[in-house]
């Protein structure tokens, strides 16, 4: 009987010891999960607070021009997001098209202009020039088009 008492006390002590360890492990996992949830929530809020670039027009048709003419157009973009937008790079699909833009931040609700000049010399026929805009907005890369027809001299 003495051995039975010793073993039962030993068994009870082991159960208590292991169950306490599991409780602490569970609390640590809960704390870790809570921390991860806060990090994910912070990232979600940061993603939700991005600027967004929207254009009044996505394409401009300049119609027909004689070869050698210079076509100028201004694309207006608006920041419809919740954070400032900064244009990092604006490029054209051809060296005959030159975009000009401001690097100043565009505040939420604000607008900015992209001035585009197309030089038609040596560009006879139907034309479609793509202007690519890169920024820190949620739609980080957007495009607009300049199109029309260049008639021979």
N, C-alpha and C. Protein backbone atom coordinates (compact mmCIF):
# COMPACT_ATOMS: atom_id res chain seq x y z
N UNK A 1 0.80 -1.17 0.00
CA UNK A 1 0.00 0.00 0.00
C UNK A 1 0.86 1.26 0.00
N UNK A 2 2.02 1.18 0.70
CA UNK A 2 2.90 2.33 0.75
C UNK A 2 3.39 2.67 -0.65
N UNK A 3 3.71 1.66 -1.44
CA UNK A 3 4.19 1.88 -2.80
C UNK A 3 3.08 2.50 -3.67
N UNK A 4 1.86 2.06 -3.46
CA UNK A 4 0.73 2.61 -4.22
C UNK A 4 0.58 4.11 -3.93
N UNK A 5 0.73 4.54 -2.69
CA UNK A 5 0.62 5.95 -2.30
C UNK A 5 1.74 6.76 -2.94
N UNK A 6 2.95 6.21 -2.92
CA UNK A 6 4.07 6.92 -3.51
C UNK A 6 3.84 7.12 -5.00
N UNK A 7 3.41 6.04 -5.67
CA UNK A 7 3.21 6.12 -7.11
C UNK A 7 2.05 7.04 -7.48
N UNK A 8 0.99 7.03 -6.67
CA UNK A 8 -0.15 7.90 -6.98
C UNK A 8 0.22 9.37 -6.78
N UNK A 9 1.02 9.66 -5.74
CA UNK A 9 1.47 11.03 -5.52
C UNK A 9 2.40 11.45 -6.66
N UNK A 10 3.28 10.56 -7.07
CA UNK A 10 4.20 10.84 -8.18
C UNK A 10 3.43 11.06 -9.48
N UNK A 11 2.43 10.25 -9.73
CA UNK A 11 1.61 10.39 -10.93
C UNK A 11 0.86 11.72 -10.92
N UNK A 12 0.27 12.07 -9.79
CA UNK A 12 -0.48 13.33 -9.67
C UNK A 12 0.46 14.52 -9.87
N UNK A 13 1.66 14.46 -9.32
CA UNK A 13 2.63 15.54 -9.47
C UNK A 13 3.04 15.69 -10.94
N UNK A 14 3.23 14.57 -11.63
CA UNK A 14 3.59 14.62 -13.06
C UNK A 14 2.49 15.25 -13.88
N UNK A 15 1.24 14.87 -13.62
CA UNK A 15 0.11 15.43 -14.36
C UNK A 15 0.04 16.93 -14.16
N UNK A 16 0.18 17.38 -12.93
CA UNK A 16 0.15 18.81 -12.64
C UNK A 16 1.31 19.54 -13.31
N UNK A 17 2.48 18.94 -13.29
CA UNK A 17 3.65 19.57 -13.88
C UNK A 17 3.47 19.75 -15.39
N UNK A 18 3.05 18.71 -16.07
CA UNK A 18 2.88 18.79 -17.53
C UNK A 18 1.71 19.66 -17.93
N UNK A 19 0.66 19.67 -17.16
CA UNK A 19 -0.49 20.49 -17.51
C UNK A 19 -0.17 21.97 -17.33
N UNK A 20 0.65 22.30 -16.34
CA UNK A 20 1.05 23.71 -16.15
C UNK A 20 1.90 24.17 -17.31
N UNK A 21 2.78 23.32 -17.79
CA UNK A 21 3.62 23.66 -18.93
C UNK A 21 2.78 23.92 -20.17
N UNK A 22 1.74 23.14 -20.40
CA UNK A 22 0.86 23.32 -21.55
C UNK A 22 0.07 24.61 -21.44
N UNK A 23 -0.33 24.97 -20.22
CA UNK A 23 -1.08 26.21 -20.04
C UNK A 23 -0.21 27.41 -20.40
N UNK A 24 1.05 27.38 -19.98
CA UNK A 24 1.95 28.49 -20.31
C UNK A 24 2.22 28.53 -21.80
N UNK A 25 2.35 27.35 -22.41
CA UNK A 25 2.58 27.29 -23.85
C UNK A 25 1.39 27.86 -24.59
N UNK A 26 0.20 27.54 -24.14
CA UNK A 26 -1.02 28.07 -24.76
C UNK A 26 -1.10 29.57 -24.62
N UNK A 27 -0.70 30.09 -23.44
CA UNK A 27 -0.71 31.55 -23.25
C UNK A 27 0.32 32.21 -24.17
N UNK A 28 1.47 31.58 -24.35
CA UNK A 28 2.50 32.14 -25.23
C UNK A 28 2.01 32.15 -26.67
N UNK A 29 1.35 31.07 -27.10
CA UNK A 29 0.82 31.02 -28.47
C UNK A 29 -0.26 32.07 -28.66
N UNK A 30 -1.10 32.27 -27.65
CA UNK A 30 -2.15 33.29 -27.74
C UNK A 30 -1.53 34.66 -27.85
N UNK A 31 -0.48 34.92 -27.05
CA UNK A 31 0.19 36.22 -27.11
C UNK A 31 0.83 36.42 -28.48
N UNK A 32 1.45 35.37 -29.02
CA UNK A 32 2.08 35.45 -30.33
C UNK A 32 1.03 35.71 -31.39
N UNK A 33 -0.08 35.00 -31.34
CA UNK A 33 -1.15 35.19 -32.31
C UNK A 33 -1.71 36.60 -32.21
N UNK A 34 -1.83 37.11 -31.00
CA UNK A 34 -2.32 38.49 -30.80
C UNK A 34 -1.36 39.50 -31.41
N UNK A 35 -0.06 39.29 -31.25
CA UNK A 35 0.94 40.17 -31.82
C UNK A 35 0.89 40.11 -33.34
N UNK A 36 0.77 38.90 -33.88
CA UNK A 36 0.67 38.76 -35.33
C UNK A 36 -0.58 39.44 -35.87
N UNK A 37 -1.67 39.35 -35.13
CA UNK A 37 -2.92 39.99 -35.56
C UNK A 37 -2.76 41.50 -35.59
N UNK A 38 -2.04 42.06 -34.62
CA UNK A 38 -1.80 43.50 -34.59
C UNK A 38 -0.95 43.90 -35.79
N UNK A 39 0.08 43.09 -36.10
CA UNK A 39 0.95 43.40 -37.24
C UNK A 39 0.17 43.34 -38.55
N UNK A 40 -0.66 42.32 -38.71
CA UNK A 40 -1.47 42.20 -39.93
C UNK A 40 -2.45 43.35 -40.02
N UNK A 41 -3.05 43.73 -38.89
CA UNK A 41 -3.99 44.85 -38.87
C UNK A 41 -3.30 46.15 -39.26
N UNK A 42 -2.07 46.35 -38.76
CA UNK A 42 -1.30 47.55 -39.10
C UNK A 42 -0.98 47.59 -40.59
N UNK A 43 -0.61 46.44 -41.15
CA UNK A 43 -0.32 46.38 -42.58
C UNK A 43 -1.58 46.65 -43.39
N UNK A 44 -2.70 46.13 -42.95
CA UNK A 44 -3.96 46.36 -43.66
C UNK A 44 -4.31 47.84 -43.66
N UNK A 45 -4.12 48.49 -42.52
CA UNK A 45 -4.40 49.93 -42.44
C UNK A 45 -3.46 50.71 -43.34
N UNK A 46 -2.18 50.32 -43.34
CA UNK A 46 -1.20 51.02 -44.19
C UNK A 46 -1.56 50.84 -45.66
N UNK A 47 -1.97 49.64 -46.04
CA UNK A 47 -2.36 49.39 -47.43
C UNK A 47 -3.60 50.16 -47.79
N UNK A 48 -4.50 50.30 -46.83
CA UNK A 48 -5.74 51.03 -47.09
C UNK A 48 -5.46 52.53 -47.21
N UNK A 49 -4.36 53.00 -46.66
CA UNK A 49 -4.04 54.42 -46.68
C UNK A 49 -3.01 54.73 -47.77
N UNK A 50 -3.28 54.27 -48.96
CA UNK A 50 -2.42 54.58 -50.10
C UNK A 50 -3.14 55.57 -50.98
N UNK A 51 -2.37 56.29 -51.75
CA UNK A 51 -2.97 57.15 -52.76
C UNK A 51 -3.43 56.31 -53.93
N UNK A 52 -4.26 56.89 -54.76
CA UNK A 52 -4.72 56.19 -55.97
C UNK A 52 -4.78 57.20 -57.10
N UNK A 53 -4.16 56.85 -58.23
CA UNK A 53 -4.11 57.72 -59.39
C UNK A 53 -5.28 57.41 -60.32
N UNK A 54 -6.03 58.44 -60.67
CA UNK A 54 -7.10 58.30 -61.66
C UNK A 54 -6.98 59.46 -62.64
N UNK A 55 -7.19 59.17 -63.93
CA UNK A 55 -7.10 60.18 -64.96
C UNK A 55 -8.49 60.59 -65.44
N UNK A 56 -8.62 61.87 -65.78
CA UNK A 56 -9.89 62.37 -66.33
C UNK A 56 -10.15 61.69 -67.68
N UNK A 57 -9.10 61.39 -68.43
CA UNK A 57 -9.21 60.67 -69.71
C UNK A 57 -8.01 59.73 -69.83
N UNK A 58 -8.26 58.53 -70.31
CA UNK A 58 -7.16 57.57 -70.44
C UNK A 58 -6.51 57.62 -71.81
N UNK A 59 -7.17 58.29 -72.78
CA UNK A 59 -6.61 58.40 -74.13
C UNK A 59 -7.01 59.74 -74.73
N UNK A 60 -6.12 60.28 -75.56
CA UNK A 60 -6.41 61.52 -76.29
C UNK A 60 -6.18 61.25 -77.76
N UNK A 61 -7.22 61.47 -78.57
CA UNK A 61 -7.12 61.30 -80.02
C UNK A 61 -6.91 62.67 -80.63
N UNK A 62 -5.71 62.88 -81.22
CA UNK A 62 -5.42 64.19 -81.81
C UNK A 62 -5.89 64.30 -83.26
N UNK A 63 -6.54 63.26 -83.76
CA UNK A 63 -7.08 63.31 -85.12
C UNK A 63 -6.00 63.17 -86.17
N UNK A 64 -6.05 64.02 -87.21
CA UNK A 64 -5.06 63.98 -88.28
C UNK A 64 -4.22 65.25 -88.25
N UNK A 65 -2.93 65.08 -88.40
CA UNK A 65 -2.00 66.21 -88.49
C UNK A 65 -1.03 65.94 -89.63
N UNK A 66 -0.48 67.01 -90.18
CA UNK A 66 0.55 66.89 -91.22
C UNK A 66 1.88 66.53 -90.58
N UNK A 67 2.67 65.74 -91.29
CA UNK A 67 3.99 65.37 -90.81
C UNK A 67 4.80 66.62 -90.50
N UNK A 68 5.46 66.63 -89.38
CA UNK A 68 6.25 67.78 -88.94
C UNK A 68 5.53 68.59 -87.87
N UNK A 69 4.22 68.40 -87.74
CA UNK A 69 3.47 69.13 -86.72
C UNK A 69 3.83 68.60 -85.33
N UNK A 70 3.67 69.49 -84.36
CA UNK A 70 3.92 69.12 -82.97
C UNK A 70 2.57 69.09 -82.25
N UNK A 71 2.25 67.96 -81.63
CA UNK A 71 0.99 67.82 -80.90
C UNK A 71 1.31 67.93 -79.41
N UNK A 72 0.56 68.80 -78.73
CA UNK A 72 0.74 68.95 -77.28
C UNK A 72 -0.60 68.65 -76.61
N UNK A 73 -0.51 67.92 -75.50
CA UNK A 73 -1.72 67.61 -74.73
C UNK A 73 -1.34 67.50 -73.26
N UNK A 74 -2.29 67.83 -72.40
CA UNK A 74 -2.09 67.72 -70.95
C UNK A 74 -3.08 66.71 -70.38
N UNK A 75 -2.53 65.67 -69.75
CA UNK A 75 -3.34 64.69 -69.04
C UNK A 75 -3.42 65.13 -67.59
N UNK A 76 -4.62 65.18 -67.04
CA UNK A 76 -4.82 65.59 -65.65
C UNK A 76 -5.09 64.34 -64.82
N UNK A 77 -4.29 64.18 -63.76
CA UNK A 77 -4.52 63.04 -62.87
C UNK A 77 -4.98 63.55 -61.52
N UNK A 78 -5.77 62.74 -60.85
CA UNK A 78 -6.28 63.08 -59.53
C UNK A 78 -5.92 61.97 -58.55
N UNK A 79 -5.55 62.37 -57.35
CA UNK A 79 -5.28 61.41 -56.28
C UNK A 79 -6.59 61.17 -55.54
N UNK A 80 -7.21 60.02 -55.78
CA UNK A 80 -8.48 59.69 -55.13
C UNK A 80 -8.28 58.82 -53.90
N UNK A 81 -7.03 58.64 -53.48
CA UNK A 81 -6.73 57.81 -52.31
C UNK A 81 -6.67 58.60 -51.03
N UNK A 82 -6.07 57.98 -50.00
CA UNK A 82 -6.02 58.56 -48.66
C UNK A 82 -4.64 59.03 -48.23
N UNK A 83 -3.66 58.96 -49.13
CA UNK A 83 -2.30 59.37 -48.79
C UNK A 83 -1.70 60.10 -49.99
N UNK A 84 -0.66 60.91 -49.76
CA UNK A 84 -0.03 61.61 -50.89
C UNK A 84 0.56 60.65 -51.91
N UNK A 85 0.52 61.05 -53.17
CA UNK A 85 1.09 60.28 -54.27
C UNK A 85 2.28 61.04 -54.82
N UNK A 86 3.36 60.31 -55.07
CA UNK A 86 4.55 60.90 -55.69
C UNK A 86 4.82 60.15 -56.98
N UNK A 87 4.88 60.88 -58.08
CA UNK A 87 5.20 60.28 -59.37
C UNK A 87 6.72 60.09 -59.41
N UNK A 88 7.16 58.86 -59.63
CA UNK A 88 8.60 58.60 -59.63
C UNK A 88 9.19 58.59 -61.03
N UNK A 89 8.37 58.18 -62.01
CA UNK A 89 8.88 58.07 -63.37
C UNK A 89 7.72 58.15 -64.35
N UNK A 90 7.89 58.93 -65.41
CA UNK A 90 6.90 59.01 -66.48
C UNK A 90 7.68 58.85 -67.79
N UNK A 91 7.36 57.79 -68.54
CA UNK A 91 8.08 57.51 -69.79
C UNK A 91 7.11 57.32 -70.93
N UNK A 92 7.62 57.52 -72.15
CA UNK A 92 6.82 57.33 -73.36
C UNK A 92 7.38 56.15 -74.14
N UNK A 93 6.51 55.56 -74.97
CA UNK A 93 6.90 54.37 -75.73
C UNK A 93 7.81 54.70 -76.90
N UNK A 94 8.02 55.99 -77.19
CA UNK A 94 8.81 56.39 -78.34
C UNK A 94 9.58 57.66 -78.01
N UNK A 95 10.74 57.82 -78.57
CA UNK A 95 11.54 59.03 -78.34
C UNK A 95 10.91 60.28 -78.94
N UNK A 96 9.93 60.09 -79.83
CA UNK A 96 9.25 61.24 -80.44
C UNK A 96 8.23 61.87 -79.51
N UNK A 97 7.99 61.24 -78.37
CA UNK A 97 6.99 61.72 -77.40
C UNK A 97 7.70 62.04 -76.10
N UNK A 98 7.55 63.27 -75.63
CA UNK A 98 8.23 63.71 -74.42
C UNK A 98 7.22 64.12 -73.34
N UNK A 99 7.17 63.39 -72.23
CA UNK A 99 6.29 63.81 -71.12
C UNK A 99 7.05 64.70 -70.13
N UNK A 100 6.33 65.62 -69.53
CA UNK A 100 6.87 66.47 -68.45
C UNK A 100 5.91 66.37 -67.28
N UNK A 101 6.46 66.23 -66.06
CA UNK A 101 5.62 66.06 -64.88
C UNK A 101 6.28 66.66 -63.66
N UNK A 102 5.47 66.88 -62.64
CA UNK A 102 5.96 67.44 -61.38
C UNK A 102 6.28 66.30 -60.41
N UNK A 103 7.35 66.46 -59.66
CA UNK A 103 7.71 65.47 -58.64
C UNK A 103 7.19 65.86 -57.26
N UNK A 104 6.42 66.93 -57.20
CA UNK A 104 5.83 67.34 -55.93
C UNK A 104 4.74 66.36 -55.52
N UNK A 105 4.59 66.09 -54.22
CA UNK A 105 3.54 65.18 -53.77
C UNK A 105 2.15 65.71 -54.16
N UNK A 106 1.29 64.78 -54.55
CA UNK A 106 -0.10 65.10 -54.89
C UNK A 106 -0.94 64.67 -53.70
N UNK A 107 -1.46 65.62 -52.97
CA UNK A 107 -2.22 65.32 -51.76
C UNK A 107 -3.56 64.65 -52.10
N UNK A 108 -4.15 63.92 -51.15
CA UNK A 108 -5.46 63.31 -51.39
C UNK A 108 -6.46 64.36 -51.87
N UNK A 109 -7.14 64.06 -52.96
CA UNK A 109 -8.09 65.00 -53.55
C UNK A 109 -7.45 65.99 -54.50
N UNK A 110 -6.12 66.04 -54.53
CA UNK A 110 -5.41 66.99 -55.37
C UNK A 110 -5.20 66.47 -56.79
N UNK A 111 -4.79 67.38 -57.67
CA UNK A 111 -4.55 67.02 -59.07
C UNK A 111 -3.14 67.44 -59.48
N UNK A 112 -2.69 66.87 -60.60
CA UNK A 112 -1.40 67.23 -61.18
C UNK A 112 -1.51 67.04 -62.69
N UNK A 113 -0.67 67.74 -63.42
CA UNK A 113 -0.69 67.67 -64.88
C UNK A 113 0.52 66.92 -65.41
N UNK A 114 0.30 66.17 -66.47
CA UNK A 114 1.39 65.56 -67.23
C UNK A 114 1.28 66.14 -68.63
N UNK A 115 2.25 66.95 -68.99
CA UNK A 115 2.27 67.59 -70.31
C UNK A 115 3.03 66.68 -71.27
N UNK A 116 2.40 66.37 -72.41
CA UNK A 116 2.99 65.47 -73.39
C UNK A 116 3.14 66.20 -74.72
N UNK A 117 4.33 66.09 -75.33
CA UNK A 117 4.58 66.67 -76.64
C UNK A 117 4.97 65.55 -77.59
N UNK A 118 4.25 65.45 -78.71
CA UNK A 118 4.52 64.45 -79.74
C UNK A 118 5.03 65.17 -80.97
N UNK A 119 6.22 64.82 -81.43
CA UNK A 119 6.81 65.41 -82.64
C UNK A 119 6.60 64.41 -83.77
N UNK A 120 5.82 64.82 -84.77
CA UNK A 120 5.37 63.88 -85.81
C UNK A 120 6.34 63.72 -86.98
N UNK A 121 7.45 64.41 -86.97
CA UNK A 121 8.42 64.29 -88.07
C UNK A 121 8.88 62.84 -88.21
N UNK A 122 8.70 62.27 -89.42
CA UNK A 122 9.10 60.88 -89.69
C UNK A 122 8.16 59.84 -89.11
N UNK A 123 6.98 60.23 -88.69
CA UNK A 123 6.03 59.32 -88.05
C UNK A 123 4.73 59.19 -88.86
N UNK A 124 4.82 59.04 -90.17
CA UNK A 124 3.64 59.00 -91.03
C UNK A 124 2.82 57.74 -90.76
N UNK A 125 1.49 57.91 -90.74
CA UNK A 125 0.57 56.80 -90.54
C UNK A 125 -0.14 56.88 -89.20
N UNK A 126 -0.86 55.82 -88.88
CA UNK A 126 -1.58 55.76 -87.59
C UNK A 126 -0.56 55.68 -86.46
N UNK A 127 -0.83 56.43 -85.41
CA UNK A 127 0.08 56.50 -84.27
C UNK A 127 -0.66 56.20 -82.98
N UNK A 128 0.02 55.48 -82.10
CA UNK A 128 -0.50 55.22 -80.76
C UNK A 128 0.71 55.22 -79.82
N UNK A 129 0.83 56.27 -79.05
CA UNK A 129 1.96 56.42 -78.13
C UNK A 129 1.46 56.18 -76.70
N UNK A 130 2.13 55.29 -75.99
CA UNK A 130 1.76 54.93 -74.62
C UNK A 130 2.66 55.70 -73.65
N UNK A 131 2.04 56.35 -72.69
CA UNK A 131 2.78 57.05 -71.65
C UNK A 131 2.56 56.26 -70.35
N UNK A 132 3.65 55.80 -69.75
CA UNK A 132 3.59 54.98 -68.54
C UNK A 132 3.95 55.83 -67.33
N UNK A 133 3.09 55.78 -66.32
CA UNK A 133 3.27 56.57 -65.10
C UNK A 133 3.53 55.62 -63.94
N UNK A 134 4.68 55.80 -63.26
CA UNK A 134 5.01 54.99 -62.08
C UNK A 134 4.95 55.88 -60.85
N UNK A 135 4.33 55.35 -59.79
CA UNK A 135 4.17 56.14 -58.56
C UNK A 135 4.10 55.22 -57.35
N UNK A 136 3.93 55.82 -56.19
CA UNK A 136 3.78 55.05 -54.95
C UNK A 136 2.30 54.77 -54.64
N UNK A 137 1.42 54.97 -55.60
CA UNK A 137 -0.02 54.77 -55.40
C UNK A 137 -0.36 53.28 -55.36
N UNK A 138 -1.58 52.97 -54.94
CA UNK A 138 -2.01 51.57 -54.90
C UNK A 138 -2.00 50.97 -56.30
N UNK A 139 -2.30 51.76 -57.31
CA UNK A 139 -2.17 51.32 -58.70
C UNK A 139 -0.86 51.92 -59.22
N UNK A 140 0.24 51.40 -58.73
CA UNK A 140 1.57 51.95 -58.92
C UNK A 140 2.01 52.21 -60.34
N UNK A 141 1.46 51.48 -61.31
CA UNK A 141 1.83 51.71 -62.70
C UNK A 141 0.55 51.87 -63.51
N UNK A 142 0.39 53.02 -64.14
CA UNK A 142 -0.78 53.28 -64.97
C UNK A 142 -0.31 53.81 -66.32
N UNK A 143 -1.20 53.78 -67.30
CA UNK A 143 -0.85 54.28 -68.62
C UNK A 143 -1.96 55.16 -69.19
N UNK A 144 -1.55 56.06 -70.06
CA UNK A 144 -2.47 56.86 -70.87
C UNK A 144 -1.95 56.78 -72.30
N UNK A 145 -2.81 57.15 -73.27
CA UNK A 145 -2.43 57.03 -74.67
C UNK A 145 -2.63 58.34 -75.42
N UNK A 146 -1.77 58.54 -76.38
CA UNK A 146 -1.89 59.64 -77.33
C UNK A 146 -2.00 58.97 -78.69
N UNK A 147 -3.07 59.22 -79.44
CA UNK A 147 -3.22 58.52 -80.71
C UNK A 147 -3.82 59.44 -81.79
N UNK A 148 -3.59 59.06 -83.00
CA UNK A 148 -4.08 59.83 -84.14
C UNK A 148 -3.38 59.36 -85.40
N UNK A 149 -3.45 60.20 -86.43
CA UNK A 149 -2.84 59.85 -87.71
C UNK A 149 -2.01 61.00 -88.22
N UNK A 150 -0.82 60.65 -88.71
CA UNK A 150 0.08 61.65 -89.28
C UNK A 150 0.04 61.48 -90.80
N UNK A 151 -0.36 62.55 -91.49
CA UNK A 151 -0.45 62.55 -92.94
C UNK A 151 0.89 63.01 -93.55
N UNK A 152 1.27 62.46 -94.71
CA UNK A 152 2.52 62.90 -95.33
C UNK A 152 2.49 64.37 -95.72
N UNK A 153 3.66 65.00 -95.79
CA UNK A 153 3.75 66.43 -96.14
C UNK A 153 3.20 66.69 -97.52
